[in-house]
Each structure stands twice: as structure tokens, then as C-alpha cells.
Amino acid sequence: MVSHSTQMLVELLGRTPNFSLPQKFYTDAAFHRLDMEHIWYRDWLFAGHDCEIPKPGDYFTLKVGDYPVTVVRGSGGEIRAFHNVCRHRGQQICTKAKGSGAKLVCPYHQWTYDLDGRLLFARDMMKAIDLSKFGLKTVACESVGGYVFISLADDPVSFETFREMALPYMAPHNLENSKVAFESSIVEQGNWKLVMENNRECYHCAGNHPELARTFTDRPTLTGVDGLADDGVVGKHWAKCEQIGLPSRFKIADNGQYRVTRVPFLNDGESMTMTGKAAVAARPLADFQSLALGSMLLFHFPNSWNHLMADSAISFRMIPISATETELTTKWLVHKDAVEGKDYDLKALTEVWLATNDEDRRVVEFNQKGVLSPAYEPGPYSELHEGGVIQFIDWYVNAIIPRLKSAANVTRHVA
């Protein structure tokens, strides 16, 4: 019997370039498990923000597939991540989405861990076990520009190439002095790749996003890979930003996994609001000479896209739940000293993307319903409007093929 990994590999090697993927990639539970194993459990993932855990003992939790994870601020200010699994009998230690404590204490039998993961106390078992052998299992964790990334891989790829590219673009936005003003999580009844594909093009924007269209242009060069440097409007914006010391030109990783650039808003807009005016003009996040500097776009596959602006920032974190369910968490960040109702109006800050996320949810869910039909077959992407989608799918295909091949070789060797 042909294994699911072999089936996936055959489909990938035989796919038509610049076409959407075969049906199973968006619908099949076995293919989804392979996505989790070879993409989500291997690559760096955006988890949250430094500002969410400002004090020692502060933590937040997330779940990636089968793995519950806790991200915690240590006693010396360092940020670490651990598998949220007690070494006694496997109870989840941190049971809330966010919290704080001097120690990490398992609620089941009160095994107690230091903030660096060391086991400190096991009631009535202190002499029976070697505490040093039962510390929490670590998860690779890195912080850059106010963003926390984790990797579930035993041997993660280097994070430094991303840091070197992204930090000069991120640092001026002052996220180390930010706070989360609002957070929203929704579940989209669609495969994670459909969610990302939808984000990576604005071919659909004019017909679906009236709120977003007030500030964000649907110029195809903004979502594609080629042509951005030749776009005169964008070129003028880069020059404007670079005159005040803001790195702006388009950069992309060699493997296409992440990219950064700056893009202008329509009509010299300042922020992604209904009016185009800054949502936090009285206490902006960044100390720029002008608020009308558009958005610093940051994309990191497989799970994040971001808008960093002068007045505020918006982060998006996507995590698959099943083959046809994806959780999207959006966070709006403002300066830590900005006061709601005085320095910013929460409705003005959030209404564009609350509406846009819901519109995208509907688009993705109807897309998923169509893909589930026996009549579905892969269709051609628009090279003009969907260059960003092509680039995402190419990254996915190029990332997973060698991992599937490597796993197959290991399996044959073991057998």
C-alpha cells in the first residue's frame, strides 16, 4: 500500500507550476498531518509579543497541533519557551491563555518549576528522584524587534538570517515600548494554505474589502515578488522613508520564507483606519518625523503577516486546527503609555481589520466549500495579481519536498 507521504510527494512532483494545489492538500486529514510534521513542527513560528509578558513570571500559552507551549519571562528578563507538559504525569501546567506567577506550578500534584524550567519541588518525592532529570522540556525561542518566535524542531534552522534582515526594518517602530490594545481570535473553516493564499493577493480586495480599500491599494506589485522596485509610486515612498533613516526597499529570503518592505497608503494616509488618519496621533508608537509613512510589511511563512506603522502596529498569527479549520489571532499594538479614550479611540484603531478579517473569513470558507466539491481541480493563478500566492506555494512545495524525501529515506533505512 502506498503511504500518504509517497502520495503527497507524487502529487507535488507532478503538479502544474503556477496552478493551485490538488484537492487533498486543502482537505485531507492525512496530508494535513504531513503538513504539521514537515512544516509546522520544523519551521520558526510567530508566537506573540515581548510586551505581553513584561514582568518576570508573566507567561502566555499557545497550541501548535499536538504541542501545547508556554512562553515565559524569566527572572533575569530573558524570554524562554517550554512544552506545557508536567514531567510527572503530563498535566498541562499553565491552563490559562495568559497569567503570571513566581514559579510554574502544576495544578495536578503541585510539582513546581523555576522560570528557567528546573524542577524545584516534587512533594514527598524529593529523595526518590533526581530533580535535575525532570526539568521542563525546552522549545527553541527567539525574540526580535518585539516579536517572539518559537520552533518545535529538535534542531531548528538558524534564526539569525531572519534577524539580520528584519530587525533594521522593525527596530524603528519601538515595539519594545508597546502594549496590546486589543486582541481578536477567530476560527476560519478553511485550510491554512487557503488562508495564507487569500492574504497573499489583493485580486479580491476591490470586491470584498471596502474598509481596507480606503487606505490600502490593490496594486498587484505590492503582493507579488517581481516589479515592486519598478513601481514609481513605491520607489518615491522608499526614497521618502530612507531620507529619514528608515530601511524600506524590498528584501526577501533566499528560500522565499520571509520578506520585508515599506509601502505607501492611498492619499498619504497615516494608518489603516476608515479616515486614513492616525488612530494614535496623540501618542504614536514610533518617533518618526511624519505619520504618513505607510506600512512596514513583514511576512513570515507559514504563519504570520504584519503591518508596522508610525502610530501603531497590527500582527496576525495563524495556526491550523485541522485540515479545514484555522485559527487567526490579530493584535493591535500601541505605545505602552497611550491611554484609551484619550490618546486613541479603540473603534477607530480596530474597525478596519475587524471588518476585513470577517470578510476574509467568509471568502476562505466559501473557497473551502468549493474545493471540497468533487468538481474541483487546480486552476491557474494570475501572474499579474497573484504573484504573492505563487511565491507562497513555491516556498511550501520547495520546503516540504526534501523533507518528505528525507523521511522516506530514513523509513527505508530503518525497515
Protein backbone atom coordinates (compact mmCIF):
# COMPACT_ATOMS: atom_id res chain seq x y z
CA MET A 1 0.00 0.00 0.00
CA VAL A 2 1.35 3.43 -0.96
CA SER A 3 1.96 5.67 2.05
CA HIS A 4 0.38 9.09 2.40
CA SER A 5 3.81 10.73 2.26
CA THR A 6 4.54 8.99 -1.04
CA GLN A 7 1.15 10.09 -2.38
CA MET A 8 1.90 13.67 -1.37
CA LEU A 9 5.35 13.53 -2.93
CA VAL A 10 3.99 12.16 -6.22
CA GLU A 11 1.34 14.89 -6.32
CA LEU A 12 3.91 17.62 -5.67
CA LEU A 13 6.40 16.37 -8.22
CA GLY A 14 3.67 16.12 -10.85
CA ARG A 15 1.89 19.42 -10.17
CA THR A 16 1.48 22.10 -12.80
CA PRO A 17 3.55 25.18 -11.89
CA ASN A 18 1.58 28.37 -11.13
CA PHE A 19 -1.60 26.37 -10.51
CA SER A 20 -3.37 25.84 -7.21
CA LEU A 21 -2.67 22.57 -5.41
CA PRO A 22 -4.57 19.30 -5.86
CA GLN A 23 -7.63 18.84 -3.67
CA LYS A 24 -6.08 16.67 -0.94
CA PHE A 25 -3.67 19.44 0.04
CA TYR A 26 -6.63 21.50 1.22
CA THR A 27 -8.96 18.79 2.52
CA ASP A 28 -7.27 15.54 3.52
CA ALA A 29 -6.55 14.75 7.18
CA ALA A 30 -3.51 12.61 6.33
CA PHE A 31 -1.99 15.35 4.17
CA HIS A 32 -2.69 17.81 6.97
CA ARG A 33 -0.75 15.63 9.41
CA LEU A 34 2.18 15.69 6.98
CA ASP A 35 1.94 19.49 6.83
CA MET A 36 2.14 19.62 10.60
CA GLU A 37 5.06 17.21 10.78
CA HIS A 38 7.16 18.71 8.00
CA ILE A 39 6.24 22.41 8.12
CA TRP A 40 4.66 23.44 11.43
CA TYR A 41 6.84 21.25 13.65
CA ARG A 42 10.00 22.22 11.75
CA ASP A 43 9.93 25.95 10.95
CA TRP A 44 10.11 29.08 13.07
CA LEU A 45 6.62 30.30 14.02
CA PHE A 46 5.46 33.69 15.27
CA ALA A 47 4.09 33.09 18.78
CA GLY A 48 3.39 36.51 20.32
CA HIS A 49 4.99 39.73 21.54
CA ASP A 50 7.56 40.58 24.18
CA CYS A 51 5.21 43.23 25.57
CA GLU A 52 2.65 40.56 26.50
CA ILE A 53 4.99 39.27 29.19
CA PRO A 54 6.64 42.45 30.57
CA LYS A 55 7.49 41.17 34.09
CA PRO A 56 9.31 38.07 35.35
CA GLY A 57 6.81 35.23 35.76
CA ASP A 58 4.43 36.57 33.09
CA TYR A 59 3.51 33.93 30.53
CA PHE A 60 1.26 33.24 27.58
CA THR A 61 0.32 29.92 26.05
CA LEU A 62 -0.44 28.62 22.59
CA LYS A 63 -1.06 25.25 20.96
CA VAL A 64 0.50 24.20 17.67
CA GLY A 65 -1.04 20.94 16.51
CA ASP A 66 -0.37 18.39 19.24
CA TYR A 67 2.03 20.65 21.13
CA PRO A 68 0.89 22.97 23.95
CA VAL A 69 3.59 25.58 24.63
CA THR A 70 4.22 28.17 27.34
CA VAL A 71 6.28 31.30 26.67
CA VAL A 72 7.52 32.88 29.91
CA ARG A 73 9.60 35.85 31.05
CA GLY A 74 12.48 34.67 33.28
CA SER A 75 13.75 36.25 36.47
CA GLY A 76 16.54 37.96 34.56
CA GLY A 77 14.23 39.30 31.87
CA GLU A 78 15.02 36.61 29.31
CA ILE A 79 12.19 35.01 27.33
CA ARG A 80 12.01 31.23 27.16
CA ALA A 81 9.54 28.68 25.84
CA PHE A 82 8.70 25.25 27.23
CA HIS A 83 6.49 22.36 26.36
CA ASN A 84 3.48 22.95 28.59
CA VAL A 85 3.63 19.40 29.97
CA CYS A 86 4.46 18.43 33.54
CA ARG A 87 7.25 15.86 33.79
CA HIS A 88 5.29 13.96 36.42
CA ARG A 89 2.19 12.65 34.63
CA GLY A 90 1.78 15.03 31.71
CA GLN A 91 -0.70 17.56 33.08
CA GLN A 92 -0.72 20.95 31.34
CA ILE A 93 0.93 23.30 33.81
CA CYS A 94 -0.30 26.66 32.55
CA THR A 95 -4.01 26.23 31.92
CA LYS A 96 -4.85 29.84 31.04
CA ALA A 97 -4.12 31.81 27.88
CA LYS A 98 -2.14 34.35 29.93
CA GLY A 99 -1.00 34.56 33.52
CA SER A 100 1.78 35.29 35.98
CA GLY A 101 3.49 33.57 38.88
CA ALA A 102 6.78 33.46 40.74
CA LYS A 103 7.09 29.80 39.76
CA LEU A 104 5.39 27.43 37.31
CA VAL A 105 3.26 25.13 39.44
CA CYS A 106 1.44 22.11 38.08
CA PRO A 107 -2.18 22.27 39.29
CA TYR A 108 -2.46 18.46 39.48
CA HIS A 109 0.14 17.47 42.10
CA GLN A 110 1.92 20.79 42.58
CA TRP A 111 5.25 19.85 41.04
CA THR A 112 6.99 23.23 40.97
CA TYR A 113 9.38 24.55 38.34
CA ASP A 114 11.59 27.61 38.29
CA LEU A 115 11.08 30.12 35.49
CA ASP A 116 14.14 28.61 33.76
CA GLY A 117 12.40 25.21 33.67
CA ARG A 118 14.29 23.49 36.51
CA LEU A 119 12.22 21.20 38.72
CA LEU A 120 12.39 22.61 42.26
CA PHE A 121 9.82 20.65 44.22
CA ALA A 122 8.06 17.29 43.97
CA ARG A 123 6.04 16.67 47.09
CA ASP A 124 7.05 13.50 49.01
CA MET A 125 9.36 12.54 46.13
CA MET A 126 12.37 14.78 46.72
CA LYS A 127 14.63 11.86 47.72
CA ALA A 128 13.09 9.35 45.33
CA ILE A 129 14.01 11.10 42.07
CA ASP A 130 16.85 13.12 40.62
CA LEU A 131 15.24 16.55 40.19
CA SER A 132 17.83 17.55 37.59
CA LYS A 133 16.47 14.92 35.19
CA PHE A 134 12.88 16.17 35.25
CA GLY A 135 13.03 19.79 34.22
CA LEU A 136 10.58 21.13 31.67
CA LYS A 137 11.41 20.32 28.06
CA THR A 138 12.52 23.42 26.21
CA VAL A 139 11.19 24.82 22.96
CA ALA A 140 13.55 26.90 20.83
CA CYS A 141 12.65 30.57 21.36
CA GLU A 142 13.93 33.82 19.87
CA SER A 143 12.89 37.45 20.25
CA VAL A 144 13.42 40.07 17.58
CA GLY A 145 12.02 43.59 17.32
CA GLY A 146 9.30 42.91 19.89
CA TYR A 147 8.22 39.62 18.27
CA VAL A 148 8.64 36.17 19.83
CA PHE A 149 9.23 33.19 17.56
CA ILE A 150 9.37 29.52 18.52
CA SER A 151 10.46 26.35 16.76
CA LEU A 152 9.35 22.86 17.76
CA ALA A 153 12.18 21.26 15.81
CA ASP A 154 14.81 19.26 17.70
CA ASP A 155 17.47 21.05 15.66
CA PRO A 156 15.98 24.34 14.38
CA VAL A 157 17.39 26.11 11.37
CA SER A 158 19.33 29.28 12.17
CA PHE A 159 17.19 32.24 13.19
CA GLU A 160 19.96 34.74 12.55
CA THR A 161 19.37 35.24 8.83
CA PHE A 162 15.82 36.40 9.60
CA ARG A 163 17.02 38.60 12.45
CA GLU A 164 19.65 40.24 10.25
CA MET A 165 17.13 41.02 7.51
CA ALA A 166 14.12 42.05 9.59
CA LEU A 167 15.49 43.84 12.65
CA PRO A 168 16.67 47.02 10.87
CA TYR A 169 13.14 47.39 9.47
CA MET A 170 11.38 46.52 12.74
CA ALA A 171 13.51 48.34 15.30
CA PRO A 172 12.43 51.93 14.48
CA HIS A 173 8.82 51.02 15.34
CA ASN A 174 9.67 50.84 19.06
CA LEU A 175 7.71 47.68 19.83
CA GLU A 176 9.77 47.12 22.97
CA ASN A 177 7.73 50.01 24.39
CA SER A 178 4.34 48.80 23.20
CA LYS A 179 1.30 47.09 24.66
CA VAL A 180 -1.56 45.11 23.16
CA ALA A 181 -4.55 47.44 22.99
CA PHE A 182 -6.90 44.81 21.58
CA GLU A 183 -6.81 41.15 20.57
CA SER A 184 -9.19 39.14 18.42
CA SER A 185 -9.20 35.43 17.60
CA ILE A 186 -11.48 33.85 15.02
CA VAL A 187 -11.70 30.35 13.58
CA GLU A 188 -11.95 30.15 9.82
CA GLN A 189 -13.45 26.98 8.40
CA GLY A 190 -10.70 26.63 5.85
CA ASN A 191 -7.32 25.02 5.32
CA TRP A 192 -4.34 27.08 6.49
CA LYS A 193 -2.95 27.31 2.97
CA LEU A 194 -6.22 28.82 1.71
CA VAL A 195 -6.00 31.41 4.50
CA MET A 196 -2.45 32.33 3.51
CA GLU A 197 -3.20 32.29 -0.22
CA ASN A 198 -6.08 34.70 0.35
CA ASN A 199 -3.80 37.03 2.28
CA ARG A 200 -1.09 36.95 -0.35
CA GLU A 201 -3.15 38.62 -3.08
CA CYS A 202 -5.34 41.66 -3.44
CA TYR A 203 -7.03 40.42 -6.61
CA HIS A 204 -10.09 40.00 -4.40
CA CYS A 205 -9.81 43.24 -2.44
CA ALA A 206 -11.90 45.61 -4.56
CA GLY A 207 -14.88 43.29 -4.48
CA ASN A 208 -14.60 42.24 -0.84
CA HIS A 209 -12.85 44.84 1.33
CA PRO A 210 -14.47 48.29 1.19
CA GLU A 211 -12.96 49.28 4.56
CA LEU A 212 -9.41 48.19 3.71
CA ALA A 213 -9.66 49.84 0.27
CA ARG A 214 -9.84 53.26 1.92
CA THR A 215 -6.11 53.15 2.67
CA PHE A 216 -4.53 50.02 1.19
CA THR A 217 -4.04 49.93 -2.55
CA ASP A 218 -4.70 46.80 -4.59
CA ARG A 219 -1.67 47.48 -6.80
CA PRO A 220 -0.53 43.98 -7.86
CA THR A 221 3.13 44.86 -7.33
CA LEU A 222 2.58 45.10 -3.56
CA THR A 223 1.71 41.42 -3.14
CA GLY A 224 3.95 40.00 -5.84
CA VAL A 225 7.66 39.33 -5.89
CA ASP A 226 8.66 40.97 -9.15
CA GLY A 227 8.04 44.54 -10.22
CA LEU A 228 7.97 46.31 -6.86
CA ALA A 229 11.27 48.07 -7.47
CA ASP A 230 9.96 49.33 -10.81
CA ASP A 231 6.77 50.76 -9.32
CA GLY A 232 7.27 54.54 -9.40
CA VAL A 233 4.85 55.22 -6.54
CA VAL A 234 6.58 52.72 -4.31
CA GLY A 235 10.02 53.96 -5.38
CA LYS A 236 9.15 57.51 -4.31
CA HIS A 237 7.88 56.19 -0.99
CA TRP A 238 11.11 54.28 -0.40
CA ALA A 239 13.13 57.42 -1.09
CA LYS A 240 10.94 59.43 1.31
CA CYS A 241 11.39 56.86 4.10
CA GLU A 242 15.09 56.35 3.54
CA GLN A 243 15.71 60.10 3.76
CA ILE A 244 14.72 59.88 7.42
CA GLY A 245 16.72 56.72 8.06
CA LEU A 246 14.08 54.01 7.60
CA PRO A 247 15.19 50.93 5.62
CA SER A 248 12.47 50.45 3.04
CA ARG A 249 13.47 48.51 -0.06
CA PHE A 250 12.03 45.10 -0.74
CA LYS A 251 14.05 42.20 0.67
CA ILE A 252 13.19 38.52 0.53
CA ALA A 253 14.89 35.43 1.95
CA ASP A 254 16.75 33.20 -0.46
CA ASN A 255 14.15 30.47 0.06
CA GLY A 256 11.22 32.90 -0.05
CA GLN A 257 10.11 32.23 3.53
CA TYR A 258 10.10 35.83 4.75
CA ARG A 259 10.19 39.34 3.34
CA VAL A 260 10.18 42.97 4.42
CA THR A 261 9.41 46.25 2.66
CA ARG A 262 7.63 49.58 3.13
CA VAL A 263 4.57 50.54 1.10
CA PRO A 264 2.56 53.77 0.96
CA PHE A 265 -1.10 54.19 1.85
CA LEU A 266 -3.54 55.84 -0.52
CA ASN A 267 -3.79 59.65 -0.38
CA ASP A 268 -0.85 59.96 2.02
CA GLY A 269 -2.78 58.02 4.62
CA GLU A 270 -1.26 57.68 8.07
CA SER A 271 -2.82 54.46 9.33
CA MET A 272 -5.25 51.68 8.46
CA THR A 273 -8.35 53.49 9.63
CA MET A 274 -11.63 54.45 8.00
CA THR A 275 -10.43 58.04 7.61
CA GLY A 276 -6.80 57.29 6.82
CA LYS A 277 -5.79 59.43 9.79
CA ALA A 278 -3.61 58.07 12.56
CA ALA A 279 -5.52 56.12 15.19
CA VAL A 280 -2.97 57.05 17.88
CA ALA A 281 -1.84 60.51 16.77
CA ALA A 282 -1.53 61.88 20.32
CA ARG A 283 0.93 59.17 21.45
CA PRO A 284 2.26 57.33 18.42
CA LEU A 285 4.21 54.12 18.75
CA ALA A 286 7.22 55.32 16.73
CA ASP A 287 9.06 58.61 16.92
CA PHE A 288 9.05 59.41 13.20
CA GLN A 289 9.21 62.82 11.56
CA SER A 290 5.93 62.09 9.82
CA LEU A 291 2.93 59.84 10.43
CA ALA A 292 2.30 59.45 6.69
CA LEU A 293 4.86 56.70 6.14
CA GLY A 294 2.54 53.86 5.16
CA SER A 295 3.18 50.34 6.42
CA MET A 296 6.27 48.25 7.00
CA LEU A 297 5.11 44.90 5.67
CA LEU A 298 6.55 41.79 7.32
CA PHE A 299 5.64 38.32 6.10
CA HIS A 300 6.97 35.10 7.61
CA PHE A 301 5.69 31.75 6.34
CA PRO A 302 3.96 29.68 7.42
CA ASN A 303 2.00 31.71 9.95
CA SER A 304 2.35 35.48 10.06
CA TRP A 305 1.83 38.77 8.26
CA ASN A 306 2.16 42.20 9.84
CA HIS A 307 1.64 45.93 9.37
CA LEU A 308 4.01 48.17 11.35
CA MET A 309 3.02 51.83 11.06
CA ALA A 310 4.09 55.08 12.66
CA ASP A 311 1.18 55.28 15.10
CA SER A 312 0.53 51.58 15.82
CA ALA A 313 1.17 48.04 14.64
CA ILE A 314 -1.02 45.06 13.73
CA SER A 315 0.18 41.45 13.92
CA PHE A 316 -1.54 38.38 12.54
CA ARG A 317 -0.82 34.85 13.78
CA MET A 318 -2.30 31.84 12.01
CA ILE A 319 -2.32 28.31 13.47
CA PRO A 320 -4.04 25.25 11.90
CA ILE A 321 -6.59 23.38 13.96
CA SER A 322 -7.45 20.67 11.42
CA ALA A 323 -7.35 20.13 7.68
CA THR A 324 -10.28 22.52 7.28
CA GLU A 325 -10.01 24.80 10.34
CA THR A 326 -7.56 27.61 11.05
CA GLU A 327 -7.32 30.00 13.99
CA LEU A 328 -6.36 33.60 13.20
CA THR A 329 -5.28 35.85 16.05
CA THR A 330 -4.92 39.58 15.42
CA LYS A 331 -3.30 42.01 17.86
CA TRP A 332 -3.30 45.81 17.73
CA LEU A 333 -0.25 47.34 19.43
CA VAL A 334 0.09 50.92 20.65
CA HIS A 335 2.63 52.78 22.75
CA LYS A 336 2.67 51.44 26.31
CA ASP A 337 1.80 54.91 27.67
CA ALA A 338 -1.08 55.55 25.23
CA VAL A 339 -4.39 55.83 27.08
CA GLU A 340 -7.61 54.54 25.51
CA GLY A 341 -10.19 57.26 25.17
CA LYS A 342 -7.54 59.97 25.48
CA ASP A 343 -4.74 59.11 23.06
CA TYR A 344 -6.72 56.76 20.84
CA ASP A 345 -10.22 55.55 20.12
CA LEU A 346 -10.43 51.76 20.15
CA LYS A 347 -13.11 51.64 17.46
CA ALA A 348 -11.04 53.76 15.09
CA LEU A 349 -7.98 51.63 15.81
CA THR A 350 -9.60 48.25 15.15
CA GLU A 351 -12.63 48.62 12.88
CA VAL A 352 -10.88 48.24 9.50
CA TRP A 353 -9.23 44.93 10.28
CA LEU A 354 -12.09 43.53 12.34
CA ALA A 355 -14.24 44.01 9.25
CA THR A 356 -11.53 42.80 6.86
CA ASN A 357 -10.82 39.66 8.88
CA ASP A 358 -14.51 38.77 8.88
CA GLU A 359 -14.75 39.39 5.14
CA ASP A 360 -11.69 37.23 4.57
CA ARG A 361 -13.19 34.52 6.78
CA ARG A 362 -16.26 34.37 4.55
CA VAL A 363 -14.14 34.31 1.40
CA VAL A 364 -11.97 31.48 2.74
CA GLU A 365 -14.93 29.45 3.94
CA PHE A 366 -16.70 29.62 0.58
CA ASN A 367 -13.36 28.81 -1.08
CA GLN A 368 -13.06 25.74 1.16
CA LYS A 369 -16.60 24.61 0.31
CA GLY A 370 -15.80 24.85 -3.38
CA VAL A 371 -12.52 22.97 -3.02
CA LEU A 372 -14.37 20.16 -1.19
CA SER A 373 -16.53 19.60 -4.28
CA PRO A 374 -15.72 16.58 -6.48
CA ALA A 375 -15.77 19.07 -9.36
CA TYR A 376 -12.72 20.96 -8.03
CA GLU A 377 -9.46 20.77 -9.93
CA PRO A 378 -6.40 23.03 -9.72
CA GLY A 379 -6.75 26.33 -11.57
CA PRO A 380 -4.20 28.87 -12.86
CA TYR A 381 -3.04 31.74 -10.71
CA SER A 382 -2.91 35.23 -12.22
CA GLU A 383 0.75 36.05 -12.68
CA LEU A 384 -0.16 39.75 -12.54
CA HIS A 385 -2.33 39.76 -9.42
CA GLU A 386 -1.38 36.52 -7.63
CA GLY A 387 2.39 36.62 -7.77
CA GLY A 388 2.45 36.54 -3.98
CA VAL A 389 0.34 33.38 -3.95
CA ILE A 390 2.63 31.73 -6.49
CA GLN A 391 5.61 32.62 -4.33
CA PHE A 392 3.98 31.21 -1.19
CA ILE A 393 3.04 27.94 -2.88
CA ASP A 394 6.52 27.66 -4.39
CA TRP A 395 8.01 28.13 -0.91
CA TYR A 396 5.70 25.48 0.53
CA VAL A 397 6.45 22.98 -2.24
CA ASN A 398 10.21 23.58 -2.15
CA ALA A 399 10.26 23.29 1.65
CA ILE A 400 8.24 20.11 2.03
CA ILE A 401 9.57 18.01 -0.89
CA PRO A 402 13.09 17.45 0.52
CA ARG A 403 11.66 16.79 3.97
CA LEU A 404 9.31 14.15 2.59
CA LYS A 405 12.19 12.58 0.68
CA SER A 406 14.42 12.60 3.75
CA ALA A 407 11.71 10.99 5.87
CA ALA A 408 11.18 8.31 3.21
CA ASN A 409 14.91 7.51 3.14
CA VAL A 410 15.00 7.20 6.93
CA THR A 411 11.97 4.90 6.86
CA ARG A 412 13.56 2.66 4.22
CA HIS A 413 16.84 2.56 6.15
CA VAL A 414 15.07 1.59 9.39
CA ALA A 415 12.99 -1.04 7.60
